């Protein structure tokens, strides 16, 4: 389950990274789906993350869990930075807005779910 989740998350991140470069979906103002503020650096981060998620998913359960743990922490830190910077670019590089920040909070929680939920353990009957 964790391997499949890593592959799925990787594909989603790759798709978001690619879509971020499509002008019809991300107009000149850089608002992906008119909600999330993105820029080239943000899209590259999505693409790189997606590739690493895919590689970890293909490598096995251990690497997938490790990557979920690492990225859960990273997204938690990025969410904190987002609350600090507000609607300004994170570290002056990666585009950010309130919607991005709350998405990072949700992503951190979801990624930690895949680390700590005991997949494969059957419920008592």
PDB file of N, CA and C in Angstrom:
ATOM      1  N   UNK A   1       0.819  -1.198   0.000  1.00  0.00           N
ATOM      2  CA  UNK A   1       0.000   0.000   0.000  1.00  0.00           C
ATOM      3  C   UNK A   1       0.864   1.264   0.000  1.00  0.00           C
ATOM      4  N   UNK A   2       1.944   1.266   0.793  1.00  0.00           N
ATOM      5  CA  UNK A   2       2.802   2.446   0.874  1.00  0.00           C
ATOM      6  C   UNK A   2       3.531   2.671  -0.446  1.00  0.00           C
ATOM      7  N   UNK A   3       3.969   1.575  -1.070  1.00  0.00           N
ATOM      8  CA  UNK A   3       4.633   1.700  -2.378  1.00  0.00           C
ATOM      9  C   UNK A   3       3.685   2.301  -3.404  1.00  0.00           C
ATOM     10  N   UNK A   4       2.467   1.786  -3.454  1.00  0.00           N
ATOM     11  CA  UNK A   4       1.477   2.290  -4.407  1.00  0.00           C
ATOM     12  C   UNK A   4       1.157   3.752  -4.129  1.00  0.00           C
ATOM     13  N   UNK A   5       1.072   4.106  -2.855  1.00  0.00           N
ATOM     14  CA  UNK A   5       0.790   5.492  -2.489  1.00  0.00           C
ATOM     15  C   UNK A   5       1.927   6.406  -2.936  1.00  0.00           C
ATOM     16  N   UNK A   6       3.165   5.954  -2.785  1.00  0.00           N
ATOM     17  CA  UNK A   6       4.316   6.756  -3.210  1.00  0.00           C
ATOM     18  C   UNK A   6       4.300   6.962  -4.715  1.00  0.00           C
ATOM     19  N   UNK A   7       3.957   5.919  -5.451  1.00  0.00           N
ATOM     20  CA  UNK A   7       3.885   6.040  -6.906  1.00  0.00           C
ATOM     21  C   UNK A   7       2.753   6.986  -7.300  1.00  0.00           C
ATOM     22  N   UNK A   8       1.606   6.860  -6.648  1.00  0.00           N
ATOM     23  CA  UNK A   8       0.473   7.740  -6.942  1.00  0.00           C
ATOM     24  C   UNK A   8       0.809   9.199  -6.635  1.00  0.00           C
ATOM     25  N   UNK A   9       1.393   9.447  -5.471  1.00  0.00           N
ATOM     26  CA  UNK A   9       1.778  10.812  -5.100  1.00  0.00           C
ATOM     27  C   UNK A   9       2.817  11.341  -6.087  1.00  0.00           C
ATOM     28  N   UNK A  10       3.751  10.495  -6.492  1.00  0.00           N
ATOM     29  CA  UNK A  10       4.753  10.903  -7.477  1.00  0.00           C
ATOM     30  C   UNK A  10       4.123  11.324  -8.790  1.00  0.00           C
ATOM     31  N   UNK A  11       3.157  10.535  -9.258  1.00  0.00           N
ATOM     32  CA  UNK A  11       2.474  10.881 -10.505  1.00  0.00           C
ATOM     33  C   UNK A  11       1.688  12.188 -10.371  1.00  0.00           C
ATOM     34  N   UNK A  12       1.062  12.382  -9.223  1.00  0.00           N
ATOM     35  CA  UNK A  12       0.307  13.624  -8.989  1.00  0.00           C
ATOM     36  C   UNK A  12       1.255  14.826  -8.993  1.00  0.00           C
ATOM     37  N   UNK A  13       2.386  14.703  -8.310  1.00  0.00           N
ATOM     38  CA  UNK A  13       3.344  15.807  -8.274  1.00  0.00           C
ATOM     39  C   UNK A  13       3.902  16.097  -9.665  1.00  0.00           C
ATOM     40  N   UNK A  14       4.184  15.045 -10.439  1.00  0.00           N
ATOM     41  CA  UNK A  14       4.655  15.259 -11.811  1.00  0.00           C
ATOM     42  C   UNK A  14       3.599  15.979 -12.639  1.00  0.00           C
ATOM     43  N   UNK A  15       2.362  15.555 -12.516  1.00  0.00           N
ATOM     44  CA  UNK A  15       1.270  16.189 -13.256  1.00  0.00           C
ATOM     45  C   UNK A  15       1.129  17.663 -12.870  1.00  0.00           C
ATOM     46  N   UNK A  16       1.177  17.949 -11.581  1.00  0.00           N
ATOM     47  CA  UNK A  16       1.057  19.338 -11.125  1.00  0.00           C
ATOM     48  C   UNK A  16       2.240  20.166 -11.620  1.00  0.00           C
ATOM     49  N   UNK A  17       3.438  19.582 -11.591  1.00  0.00           N
ATOM     50  CA  UNK A  17       4.609  20.291 -12.096  1.00  0.00           C
ATOM     51  C   UNK A  17       4.502  20.618 -13.569  1.00  0.00           C
ATOM     52  N   UNK A  18       3.981  19.688 -14.348  1.00  0.00           N
ATOM     53  CA  UNK A  18       3.811  19.921 -15.782  1.00  0.00           C
ATOM     54  C   UNK A  18       2.712  20.934 -16.038  1.00  0.00           C
ATOM     55  N   UNK A  19       1.574  20.761 -15.361  1.00  0.00           N
ATOM     56  CA  UNK A  19       0.429  21.655 -15.548  1.00  0.00           C
ATOM     57  C   UNK A  19       0.788  23.090 -15.163  1.00  0.00           C
ATOM     58  N   UNK A  20       1.694  23.250 -14.226  1.00  0.00           N
ATOM     59  CA  UNK A  20       2.121  24.589 -13.821  1.00  0.00           C
ATOM     60  C   UNK A  20       2.758  25.390 -14.949  1.00  0.00           C
ATOM     61  N   UNK A  21       3.231  24.690 -15.976  1.00  0.00           N
ATOM     62  CA  UNK A  21       3.834  25.359 -17.129  1.00  0.00           C
ATOM     63  C   UNK A  21       2.840  25.596 -18.271  1.00  0.00           C
ATOM     64  N   UNK A  22       1.601  25.121 -18.118  1.00  0.00           N
ATOM     65  CA  UNK A  22       0.600  25.256 -19.180  1.00  0.00           C
ATOM     66  C   UNK A  22      -0.146  26.579 -19.005  1.00  0.00           C
ATOM     67  N   UNK A  23       0.025  27.503 -19.957  1.00  0.00           N
ATOM     68  CA  UNK A  23      -0.584  28.837 -19.816  1.00  0.00           C
ATOM     69  C   UNK A  23      -2.108  28.825 -19.684  1.00  0.00           C
ATOM     70  N   UNK A  24      -2.791  27.885 -20.306  1.00  0.00           N
ATOM     71  CA  UNK A  24      -4.255  27.857 -20.226  1.00  0.00           C
ATOM     72  C   UNK A  24      -4.735  27.513 -18.814  1.00  0.00           C
ATOM     73  N   UNK A  25      -3.928  26.765 -18.070  1.00  0.00           N
ATOM     74  CA  UNK A  25      -4.308  26.360 -16.714  1.00  0.00           C
ATOM     75  C   UNK A  25      -3.670  27.275 -15.682  1.00  0.00           C
ATOM     76  N   UNK A  26      -2.504  27.792 -16.009  1.00  0.00           N
ATOM     77  CA  UNK A  26      -1.796  28.725 -15.133  1.00  0.00           C
ATOM     78  C   UNK A  26      -1.554  30.010 -15.920  1.00  0.00           C
ATOM     79  N   UNK A  27      -2.500  30.958 -15.849  1.00  0.00           N
ATOM     80  CA  UNK A  27      -2.346  32.198 -16.616  1.00  0.00           C
ATOM     81  C   UNK A  27      -1.095  32.979 -16.198  1.00  0.00           C
ATOM     82  N   UNK A  28      -0.886  34.101 -16.850  1.00  0.00           N
ATOM     83  CA  UNK A  28       0.313  34.921 -16.619  1.00  0.00           C
ATOM     84  C   UNK A  28       0.463  35.347 -15.159  1.00  0.00           C
ATOM     85  N   UNK A  29      -0.637  35.402 -14.409  1.00  0.00           N
ATOM     86  CA  UNK A  29      -0.527  35.810 -13.006  1.00  0.00           C
ATOM     87  C   UNK A  29      -0.003  34.686 -12.104  1.00  0.00           C
ATOM     88  N   UNK A  30       0.220  33.494 -12.676  1.00  0.00           N
ATOM     89  CA  UNK A  30       0.825  32.401 -11.922  1.00  0.00           C
ATOM     90  C   UNK A  30      -0.099  31.721 -10.938  1.00  0.00           C
ATOM     91  N   UNK A  31      -1.410  31.783 -11.161  1.00  0.00           N
ATOM     92  CA  UNK A  31      -2.365  31.153 -10.256  1.00  0.00           C
ATOM     93  C   UNK A  31      -2.846  29.831 -10.858  1.00  0.00           C
ATOM     94  N   UNK A  32      -2.258  28.732 -10.414  1.00  0.00           N
ATOM     95  CA  UNK A  32      -2.640  27.407 -10.876  1.00  0.00           C
ATOM     96  C   UNK A  32      -4.077  27.136 -10.447  1.00  0.00           C
ATOM     97  N   UNK A  33      -4.928  26.842 -11.418  1.00  0.00           N
ATOM     98  CA  UNK A  33      -6.356  26.607 -11.179  1.00  0.00           C
ATOM     99  C   UNK A  33      -7.032  27.797 -10.494  1.00  0.00           C
ATOM    100  N   UNK A  34      -6.414  28.971 -10.625  1.00  0.00           N
ATOM    101  CA  UNK A  34      -6.910  30.221 -10.024  1.00  0.00           C
ATOM    102  C   UNK A  34      -6.947  30.180  -8.498  1.00  0.00           C
ATOM    103  N   UNK A  35      -6.175  29.253  -7.926  1.00  0.00           N
ATOM    104  CA  UNK A  35      -6.152  29.102  -6.467  1.00  0.00           C
ATOM    105  C   UNK A  35      -4.732  29.194  -5.917  1.00  0.00           C
ATOM    106  N   UNK A  36      -3.822  28.374  -6.477  1.00  0.00           N
ATOM    107  CA  UNK A  36      -2.476  28.231  -5.930  1.00  0.00           C
ATOM    108  C   UNK A  36      -1.485  29.069  -6.720  1.00  0.00           C
ATOM    109  N   UNK A  37      -0.680  29.843  -5.996  1.00  0.00           N
ATOM    110  CA  UNK A  37       0.321  30.677  -6.643  1.00  0.00           C
ATOM    111  C   UNK A  37       1.555  29.829  -6.938  1.00  0.00           C
ATOM    112  N   UNK A  38       1.945  29.762  -8.209  1.00  0.00           N
ATOM    113  CA  UNK A  38       3.123  28.989  -8.606  1.00  0.00           C
ATOM    114  C   UNK A  38       4.018  29.843  -9.490  1.00  0.00           C
ATOM    115  N   UNK A  39       5.265  29.436  -9.582  1.00  0.00           N
ATOM    116  CA  UNK A  39       6.213  30.037 -10.519  1.00  0.00           C
ATOM    117  C   UNK A  39       7.131  28.921 -11.006  1.00  0.00           C
ATOM    118  N   UNK A  40       8.107  29.263 -11.810  1.00  0.00           N
ATOM    119  CA  UNK A  40       8.990  28.243 -12.376  1.00  0.00           C
ATOM    120  C   UNK A  40       9.684  27.427 -11.288  1.00  0.00           C
ATOM    121  N   UNK A  41      10.188  28.087 -10.256  1.00  0.00           N
ATOM    122  CA  UNK A  41      10.866  27.371  -9.169  1.00  0.00           C
ATOM    123  C   UNK A  41       9.903  26.400  -8.483  1.00  0.00           C
ATOM    124  N   UNK A  42       8.682  26.832  -8.261  1.00  0.00           N
ATOM    125  CA  UNK A  42       7.666  25.996  -7.625  1.00  0.00           C
ATOM    126  C   UNK A  42       7.378  24.769  -8.494  1.00  0.00           C
ATOM    127  N   UNK A  43       7.251  24.970  -9.801  1.00  0.00           N
ATOM    128  CA  UNK A  43       6.984  23.863 -10.712  1.00  0.00           C
ATOM    129  C   UNK A  43       8.148  22.876 -10.751  1.00  0.00           C
ATOM    130  N   UNK A  44       9.357  23.382 -10.720  1.00  0.00           N
ATOM    131  CA  UNK A  44      10.538  22.509 -10.719  1.00  0.00           C
ATOM    132  C   UNK A  44      10.591  21.679  -9.442  1.00  0.00           C
ATOM    133  N   UNK A  45      10.226  22.279  -8.313  1.00  0.00           N
ATOM    134  CA  UNK A  45      10.171  21.536  -7.048  1.00  0.00           C
ATOM    135  C   UNK A  45       9.142  20.406  -7.157  1.00  0.00           C
ATOM    136  N   UNK A  46       7.978  20.696  -7.762  1.00  0.00           N
ATOM    137  CA  UNK A  46       6.967  19.645  -7.935  1.00  0.00           C
ATOM    138  C   UNK A  46       7.494  18.517  -8.822  1.00  0.00           C
ATOM    139  N   UNK A  47       8.138  18.871  -9.920  1.00  0.00           N
ATOM    140  CA  UNK A  47       8.676  17.847 -10.825  1.00  0.00           C
ATOM    141  C   UNK A  47       9.742  16.989 -10.136  1.00  0.00           C
ATOM    142  N   UNK A  48      10.666  17.626  -9.443  1.00  0.00           N
ATOM    143  CA  UNK A  48      11.735  16.890  -8.758  1.00  0.00           C
ATOM    144  C   UNK A  48      11.160  15.995  -7.663  1.00  0.00           C
ATOM    145  N   UNK A  49      10.212  16.526  -6.901  1.00  0.00           N
ATOM    146  CA  UNK A  49       9.579  15.730  -5.840  1.00  0.00           C
ATOM    147  C   UNK A  49       8.862  14.530  -6.437  1.00  0.00           C
ATOM    148  N   UNK A  50       8.151  14.748  -7.529  1.00  0.00           N
ATOM    149  CA  UNK A  50       7.434  13.657  -8.180  1.00  0.00           C
ATOM    150  C   UNK A  50       8.364  12.554  -8.640  1.00  0.00           C
ATOM    151  N   UNK A  51       9.486  12.932  -9.211  1.00  0.00           N
ATOM    152  CA  UNK A  51      10.459  11.938  -9.677  1.00  0.00           C
ATOM    153  C   UNK A  51      10.998  11.130  -8.503  1.00  0.00           C
ATOM    154  N   UNK A  52      11.348  11.806  -7.418  1.00  0.00           N
ATOM    155  CA  UNK A  52      11.889  11.086  -6.259  1.00  0.00           C
ATOM    156  C   UNK A  52      10.816  10.196  -5.625  1.00  0.00           C
ATOM    157  N   UNK A  53       9.571  10.687  -5.528  1.00  0.00           N
ATOM    158  CA  UNK A  53       8.480   9.847  -5.023  1.00  0.00           C
ATOM    159  C   UNK A  53       8.336   8.579  -5.868  1.00  0.00           C
ATOM    160  N   UNK A  54       8.360   8.727  -7.194  1.00  0.00           N
ATOM    161  CA  UNK A  54       8.252   7.565  -8.081  1.00  0.00           C
ATOM    162  C   UNK A  54       9.403   6.591  -7.856  1.00  0.00           C
ATOM    163  N   UNK A  55      10.606   7.109  -7.783  1.00  0.00           N
ATOM    164  CA  UNK A  55      11.770   6.238  -7.575  1.00  0.00           C
ATOM    165  C   UNK A  55      11.678   5.501  -6.245  1.00  0.00           C
ATOM    166  N   UNK A  56      11.263   6.177  -5.195  1.00  0.00           N
ATOM    167  CA  UNK A  56      11.118   5.533  -3.886  1.00  0.00           C
ATOM    168  C   UNK A  56      10.002   4.496  -3.913  1.00  0.00           C
ATOM    169  N   UNK A  57       8.901   4.827  -4.597  1.00  0.00           N
ATOM    170  CA  UNK A  57       7.809   3.871  -4.707  1.00  0.00           C
ATOM    171  C   UNK A  57       8.239   2.607  -5.425  1.00  0.00           C
ATOM    172  N   UNK A  58       9.043   2.768  -6.461  1.00  0.00           N
ATOM    173  CA  UNK A  58       9.521   1.603  -7.205  1.00  0.00           C
ATOM    174  C   UNK A  58      10.584   0.834  -6.425  1.00  0.00           C
ATOM    175  N   UNK A  59      11.279   1.520  -5.521  1.00  0.00           N
ATOM    176  CA  UNK A  59      12.354   0.871  -4.763  1.00  0.00           C
ATOM    177  C   UNK A  59      11.818  -0.020  -3.648  1.00  0.00           C
ATOM    178  N   UNK A  60      10.628   0.282  -3.115  1.00  0.00           N
ATOM    179  CA  UNK A  60      10.079  -0.585  -2.074  1.00  0.00           C
ATOM    180  C   UNK A  60       9.409   0.166  -0.945  1.00  0.00           C
ATOM    181  N   UNK A  61       8.939  -0.618   0.016  1.00  0.00           N
ATOM    182  CA  UNK A  61       8.196  -0.066   1.150  1.00  0.00           C
ATOM    183  C   UNK A  61       9.082   0.801   2.038  1.00  0.00           C
ATOM    184  N   UNK A  62      10.270   0.328   2.363  1.00  0.00           N
ATOM    185  CA  UNK A  62      11.177   1.080   3.240  1.00  0.00           C
ATOM    186  C   UNK A  62      11.519   2.453   2.692  1.00  0.00           C
ATOM    187  N   UNK A  63      11.994   2.526   1.445  1.00  0.00           N
ATOM    188  CA  UNK A  63      12.294   3.838   0.876  1.00  0.00           C
ATOM    189  C   UNK A  63      11.053   4.735   0.778  1.00  0.00           C
ATOM    190  N   UNK A  64       9.906   4.137   0.499  1.00  0.00           N
ATOM    191  CA  UNK A  64       8.675   4.928   0.412  1.00  0.00           C
ATOM    192  C   UNK A  64       8.332   5.537   1.761  1.00  0.00           C
ATOM    193  N   UNK A  65       8.388   4.726   2.818  1.00  0.00           N
ATOM    194  CA  UNK A  65       8.091   5.238   4.158  1.00  0.00           C
ATOM    195  C   UNK A  65       9.091   6.311   4.573  1.00  0.00           C
ATOM    196  N   UNK A  66      10.349   6.079   4.260  1.00  0.00           N
ATOM    197  CA  UNK A  66      11.375   7.072   4.598  1.00  0.00           C
ATOM    198  C   UNK A  66      11.100   8.385   3.887  1.00  0.00           C
ATOM    199  N   UNK A  67      10.760   8.294   2.607  1.00  0.00           N
ATOM    200  CA  UNK A  67      10.490   9.515   1.853  1.00  0.00           C
ATOM    201  C   UNK A  67       9.234  10.209   2.354  1.00  0.00           C
ATOM    202  N   UNK A  68       8.184   9.449   2.717  1.00  0.00           N
ATOM    203  CA  UNK A  68       6.989  10.062   3.297  1.00  0.00           C
ATOM    204  C   UNK A  68       7.333  10.783   4.594  1.00  0.00           C
ATOM    205  N   UNK A  69       8.188  10.160   5.394  1.00  0.00           N
ATOM    206  CA  UNK A  69       8.593  10.774   6.664  1.00  0.00           C
ATOM    207  C   UNK A  69       9.358  12.082   6.405  1.00  0.00           C
ATOM    208  N   UNK A  70      10.335  12.032   5.516  1.00  0.00           N
ATOM    209  CA  UNK A  70      11.152  13.208   5.214  1.00  0.00           C
ATOM    210  C   UNK A  70      10.281  14.319   4.629  1.00  0.00           C
ATOM    211  N   UNK A  71       9.438  13.975   3.673  1.00  0.00           N
ATOM    212  CA  UNK A  71       8.625  15.009   3.047  1.00  0.00           C
ATOM    213  C   UNK A  71       7.489  15.479   3.938  1.00  0.00           C
ATOM    214  N   UNK A  72       7.025  14.642   4.867  1.00  0.00           N
ATOM    215  CA  UNK A  72       6.058  15.105   5.859  1.00  0.00           C
ATOM    216  C   UNK A  72       6.662  16.221   6.700  1.00  0.00           C
ATOM    217  N   UNK A  73       7.906  16.018   7.107  1.00  0.00           N
ATOM    218  CA  UNK A  73       8.623  17.047   7.880  1.00  0.00           C
ATOM    219  C   UNK A  73       8.855  18.282   7.015  1.00  0.00           C
ATOM    220  N   UNK A  74       9.298  18.070   5.773  1.00  0.00           N
ATOM    221  CA  UNK A  74       9.567  19.206   4.886  1.00  0.00           C
ATOM    222  C   UNK A  74       8.304  20.025   4.652  1.00  0.00           C
ATOM    223  N   UNK A  75       7.183  19.354   4.360  1.00  0.00           N
ATOM    224  CA  UNK A  75       5.943  20.097   4.132  1.00  0.00           C
ATOM    225  C   UNK A  75       5.469  20.797   5.391  1.00  0.00           C
ATOM    226  N   UNK A  76       5.708  20.209   6.549  1.00  0.00           N
ATOM    227  CA  UNK A  76       5.383  20.884   7.804  1.00  0.00           C
ATOM    228  C   UNK A  76       6.192  22.162   7.965  1.00  0.00           C
ATOM    229  N   UNK A  77       7.483  22.082   7.668  1.00  0.00           N
ATOM    230  CA  UNK A  77       8.356  23.271   7.756  1.00  0.00           C
ATOM    231  C   UNK A  77       7.953  24.308   6.710  1.00  0.00           C
ATOM    232  N   UNK A  78       7.641  23.853   5.493  1.00  0.00           N
ATOM    233  CA  UNK A  78       7.224  24.779   4.441  1.00  0.00           C
ATOM    234  C   UNK A  78       5.909  25.462   4.833  1.00  0.00           C
ATOM    235  N   UNK A  79       4.991  24.727   5.476  1.00  0.00           N
ATOM    236  CA  UNK A  79       3.743  25.333   5.940  1.00  0.00           C
ATOM    237  C   UNK A  79       4.041  26.416   6.976  1.00  0.00           C
ATOM    238  N   UNK A  80       4.946  26.135   7.908  1.00  0.00           N
ATOM    239  CA  UNK A  80       5.320  27.151   8.900  1.00  0.00           C
ATOM    240  C   UNK A  80       5.927  28.376   8.227  1.00  0.00           C
ATOM    241  N   UNK A  81       6.794  28.145   7.239  1.00  0.00           N
ATOM    242  CA  UNK A  81       7.358  29.264   6.478  1.00  0.00           C
ATOM    243  C   UNK A  81       6.256  30.037   5.761  1.00  0.00           C
ATOM    244  N   UNK A  82       5.283  29.314   5.233  1.00  0.00           N
ATOM    245  CA  UNK A  82       4.174  29.958   4.543  1.00  0.00           C
ATOM    246  C   UNK A  82       3.375  30.858   5.466  1.00  0.00           C
ATOM    247  N   UNK A  83       3.145  30.400   6.700  1.00  0.00           N
ATOM    248  CA  UNK A  83       2.446  31.255   7.665  1.00  0.00           C
ATOM    249  C   UNK A  83       3.290  32.484   7.997  1.00  0.00           C
ATOM    250  N   UNK A  84       4.607  32.300   8.048  1.00  0.00           N
ATOM    251  CA  UNK A  84       5.505  33.417   8.358  1.00  0.00           C
ATOM    252  C   UNK A  84       5.572  34.425   7.207  1.00  0.00           C
ATOM    253  N   UNK A  85       5.735  33.927   5.977  1.00  0.00           N
ATOM    254  CA  UNK A  85       5.893  34.807   4.813  1.00  0.00           C
ATOM    255  C   UNK A  85       4.568  35.332   4.268  1.00  0.00           C
ATOM    256  N   UNK A  86       3.473  34.700   4.606  1.00  0.00           N
ATOM    257  CA  UNK A  86       2.182  35.136   4.075  1.00  0.00           C
ATOM    258  C   UNK A  86       2.093  34.888   2.582  1.00  0.00           C
ATOM    259  N   UNK A  87       1.691  35.892   1.840  1.00  0.00           N
ATOM    260  CA  UNK A  87       1.537  35.744   0.390  1.00  0.00           C
ATOM    261  C   UNK A  87       2.801  36.106  -0.386  1.00  0.00           C
ATOM    262  N   UNK A  88       3.919  36.189   0.286  1.00  0.00           N
ATOM    263  CA  UNK A  88       5.193  36.478  -0.377  1.00  0.00           C
ATOM    264  C   UNK A  88       5.916  35.179  -0.708  1.00  0.00           C
ATOM    265  N   UNK A  89       6.863  35.250  -1.623  1.00  0.00           N
ATOM    266  CA  UNK A  89       7.629  34.067  -2.029  1.00  0.00           C
ATOM    267  C   UNK A  89       8.426  33.514  -0.850  1.00  0.00           C
ATOM    268  N   UNK A  90       8.407  32.189  -0.710  1.00  0.00           N
ATOM    269  CA  UNK A  90       9.168  31.542   0.354  1.00  0.00           C
ATOM    270  C   UNK A  90      10.652  31.683   0.057  1.00  0.00           C
ATOM    271  N   UNK A  91      11.383  32.208   1.026  1.00  0.00           N
ATOM    272  CA  UNK A  91      12.815  32.445   0.896  1.00  0.00           C
ATOM    273  C   UNK A  91      13.140  33.307  -0.326  1.00  0.00           C
ATOM    274  N   UNK A  92      12.154  34.062  -0.798  1.00  0.00           N
ATOM    275  CA  UNK A  92      12.331  34.936  -1.948  1.00  0.00           C
ATOM    276  C   UNK A  92      12.424  34.199  -3.271  1.00  0.00           C
ATOM    277  N   UNK A  93      12.083  32.899  -3.286  1.00  0.00           N
ATOM    278  CA  UNK A  93      12.264  32.093  -4.505  1.00  0.00           C
ATOM    279  C   UNK A  93      10.964  31.422  -4.956  1.00  0.00           C
ATOM    280  N   UNK A  94      10.345  30.660  -4.079  1.00  0.00           N
ATOM    281  CA  UNK A  94       9.192  29.827  -4.433  1.00  0.00           C
ATOM    282  C   UNK A  94       7.894  30.578  -4.144  1.00  0.00           C
ATOM    283  N   UNK A  95       7.050  30.706  -5.174  1.00  0.00           N
ATOM    284  CA  UNK A  95       5.778  31.400  -5.033  1.00  0.00           C
ATOM    285  C   UNK A  95       4.925  30.747  -3.948  1.00  0.00           C
ATOM    286  N   UNK A  96       4.148  31.569  -3.234  1.00  0.00           N
ATOM    287  CA  UNK A  96       3.348  31.069  -2.125  1.00  0.00           C
ATOM    288  C   UNK A  96       2.142  31.974  -1.914  1.00  0.00           C
ATOM    289  N   UNK A  97       1.051  31.381  -1.444  1.00  0.00           N
ATOM    290  CA  UNK A  97      -0.086  32.143  -0.948  1.00  0.00           C
ATOM    291  C   UNK A  97      -0.763  31.324   0.148  1.00  0.00           C
ATOM    292  N   UNK A  98      -1.841  31.836   0.705  1.00  0.00           N
ATOM    293  CA  UNK A  98      -2.502  31.164   1.822  1.00  0.00           C
ATOM    294  C   UNK A  98      -3.004  29.779   1.422  1.00  0.00           C
ATOM    295  N   UNK A  99      -3.539  29.645   0.218  1.00  0.00           N
ATOM    296  CA  UNK A  99      -4.015  28.336  -0.243  1.00  0.00           C
ATOM    297  C   UNK A  99      -2.867  27.332  -0.301  1.00  0.00           C
ATOM    298  N   UNK A 100      -1.704  27.769  -0.786  1.00  0.00           N
ATOM    299  CA  UNK A 100      -0.522  26.898  -0.814  1.00  0.00           C
ATOM    300  C   UNK A 100      -0.163  26.452   0.603  1.00  0.00           C
ATOM    301  N   UNK A 101      -0.160  27.393   1.523  1.00  0.00           N
ATOM    302  CA  UNK A 101       0.236  27.095   2.902  1.00  0.00           C
ATOM    303  C   UNK A 101      -0.671  26.044   3.522  1.00  0.00           C
ATOM    304  N   UNK A 102      -1.980  26.209   3.376  1.00  0.00           N
ATOM    305  CA  UNK A 102      -2.901  25.224   3.951  1.00  0.00           C
ATOM    306  C   UNK A 102      -2.797  23.879   3.235  1.00  0.00           C
ATOM    307  N   UNK A 103      -2.491  23.899   1.948  1.00  0.00           N
ATOM    308  CA  UNK A 103      -2.278  22.648   1.231  1.00  0.00           C
ATOM    309  C   UNK A 103      -1.052  21.922   1.804  1.00  0.00           C
ATOM    310  N   UNK A 104      -0.010  22.661   2.154  1.00  0.00           N
ATOM    311  CA  UNK A 104       1.179  22.053   2.764  1.00  0.00           C
ATOM    312  C   UNK A 104       0.849  21.435   4.117  1.00  0.00           C
ATOM    313  N   UNK A 105      -0.021  22.074   4.871  1.00  0.00           N
ATOM    314  CA  UNK A 105      -0.450  21.501   6.157  1.00  0.00           C
ATOM    315  C   UNK A 105      -1.141  20.152   5.908  1.00  0.00           C
ATOM    316  N   UNK A 106      -2.072  20.132   4.968  1.00  0.00           N
ATOM    317  CA  UNK A 106      -2.800  18.898   4.642  1.00  0.00           C
ATOM    318  C   UNK A 106      -1.836  17.830   4.131  1.00  0.00           C
ATOM    319  N   UNK A 107      -0.914  18.211   3.255  1.00  0.00           N
ATOM    320  CA  UNK A 107       0.058  17.253   2.724  1.00  0.00           C
ATOM    321  C   UNK A 107       0.926  16.667   3.834  1.00  0.00           C
ATOM    322  N   UNK A 108       1.365  17.485   4.769  1.00  0.00           N
ATOM    323  CA  UNK A 108       2.189  16.977   5.876  1.00  0.00           C
ATOM    324  C   UNK A 108       1.414  15.930   6.667  1.00  0.00           C
ATOM    325  N   UNK A 109       0.152  16.195   6.957  1.00  0.00           N
ATOM    326  CA  UNK A 109      -0.671  15.243   7.715  1.00  0.00           C
ATOM    327  C   UNK A 109      -0.870  13.956   6.921  1.00  0.00           C
ATOM    328  N   UNK A 110      -1.182  14.073   5.640  1.00  0.00           N
ATOM    329  CA  UNK A 110      -1.409  12.890   4.796  1.00  0.00           C
ATOM    330  C   UNK A 110      -0.132  12.062   4.673  1.00  0.00           C
ATOM    331  N   UNK A 111       1.001  12.717   4.469  1.00  0.00           N
ATOM    332  CA  UNK A 111       2.255  11.971   4.329  1.00  0.00           C
ATOM    333  C   UNK A 111       2.615  11.247   5.621  1.00  0.00           C
ATOM    334  N   UNK A 112       2.384  11.888   6.765  1.00  0.00           N
ATOM    335  CA  UNK A 112       2.652  11.212   8.034  1.00  0.00           C
ATOM    336  C   UNK A 112       1.687  10.054   8.254  1.00  0.00           C
ATOM    337  N   UNK A 113       0.474  10.157   7.726  1.00  0.00           N
ATOM    338  CA  UNK A 113      -0.472   9.047   7.798  1.00  0.00           C
ATOM    339  C   UNK A 113       0.136   7.805   7.157  1.00  0.00           C
ATOM    340  N   UNK A 114       0.768   7.968   5.998  1.00  0.00           N
ATOM    341  CA  UNK A 114       1.356   6.827   5.302  1.00  0.00           C
ATOM    342  C   UNK A 114       2.585   6.283   6.024  1.00  0.00           C
ATOM    343  N   UNK A 115       3.165   7.057   6.909  1.00  0.00           N
ATOM    344  CA  UNK A 115       4.318   6.581   7.672  1.00  0.00           C
ATOM    345  C   UNK A 115       3.857   5.793   8.888  1.00  0.00           C
ATOM    346  N   UNK A 116       2.830   6.285   9.572  1.00  0.00           N
ATOM    347  CA  UNK A 116       2.470   5.719  10.871  1.00  0.00           C
ATOM    348  C   UNK A 116       1.256   4.795  10.867  1.00  0.00           C
ATOM    349  N   UNK A 117       0.451   4.801   9.800  1.00  0.00           N
ATOM    350  CA  UNK A 117      -0.696   3.907   9.766  1.00  0.00           C
ATOM    351  C   UNK A 117      -0.204   2.490   9.531  1.00  0.00           C
ATOM    352  N   UNK A 118      -0.657   1.552  10.358  1.00  0.00           N
ATOM    353  CA  UNK A 118      -0.154   0.162  10.240  1.00  0.00           C
ATOM    354  C   UNK A 118      -0.802  -0.603   9.090  1.00  0.00           C
ATOM    355  N   UNK A 119      -0.359  -0.347   7.863  1.00  0.00           N
ATOM    356  CA  UNK A 119      -0.884  -1.067   6.703  1.00  0.00           C
ATOM    357  C   UNK A 119      -0.553  -2.540   6.823  1.00  0.00           C
ATOM    358  N   UNK A 120      -1.458  -3.363   6.397  1.00  0.00           N
ATOM    359  CA  UNK A 120      -1.211  -4.795   6.411  1.00  0.00           C
ATOM    360  C   UNK A 120      -1.642  -5.470   7.701  1.00  0.00           C
ATOM    361  N   UNK A 121      -1.981  -4.723   8.729  1.00  0.00           N
ATOM    362  CA  UNK A 121      -2.460  -5.318   9.976  1.00  0.00           C
ATOM    363  C   UNK A 121      -3.966  -5.457   9.873  1.00  0.00           C
ATOM    364  N   UNK A 122      -4.447  -6.662  10.067  1.00  0.00           N
ATOM    365  CA  UNK A 122      -5.883  -6.912   9.928  1.00  0.00           C
ATOM    366  C   UNK A 122      -6.595  -6.568  11.224  1.00  0.00           C
ATOM    367  N   UNK A 123      -7.782  -5.988  11.090  1.00  0.00           N
ATOM    368  CA  UNK A 123      -8.585  -5.651  12.250  1.00  0.00           C
ATOM    369  C   UNK A 123      -9.073  -6.918  12.923  1.00  0.00           C
ATOM    370  N   UNK A 124      -9.190  -6.902  14.274  1.00  0.00           N
ATOM    371  CA  UNK A 124      -9.688  -8.097  14.961  1.00  0.00           C
ATOM    372  C   UNK A 124     -11.147  -8.363  14.562  1.00  0.00           C
ATOM    373  N   UNK A 125     -11.498  -9.645  14.519  1.00  0.00           N
ATOM    374  CA  UNK A 125     -12.851 -10.011  14.105  1.00  0.00           C
ATOM    375  C   UNK A 125     -13.757 -10.230  15.273  1.00  0.00           C
TER     376      UNK A 125
END
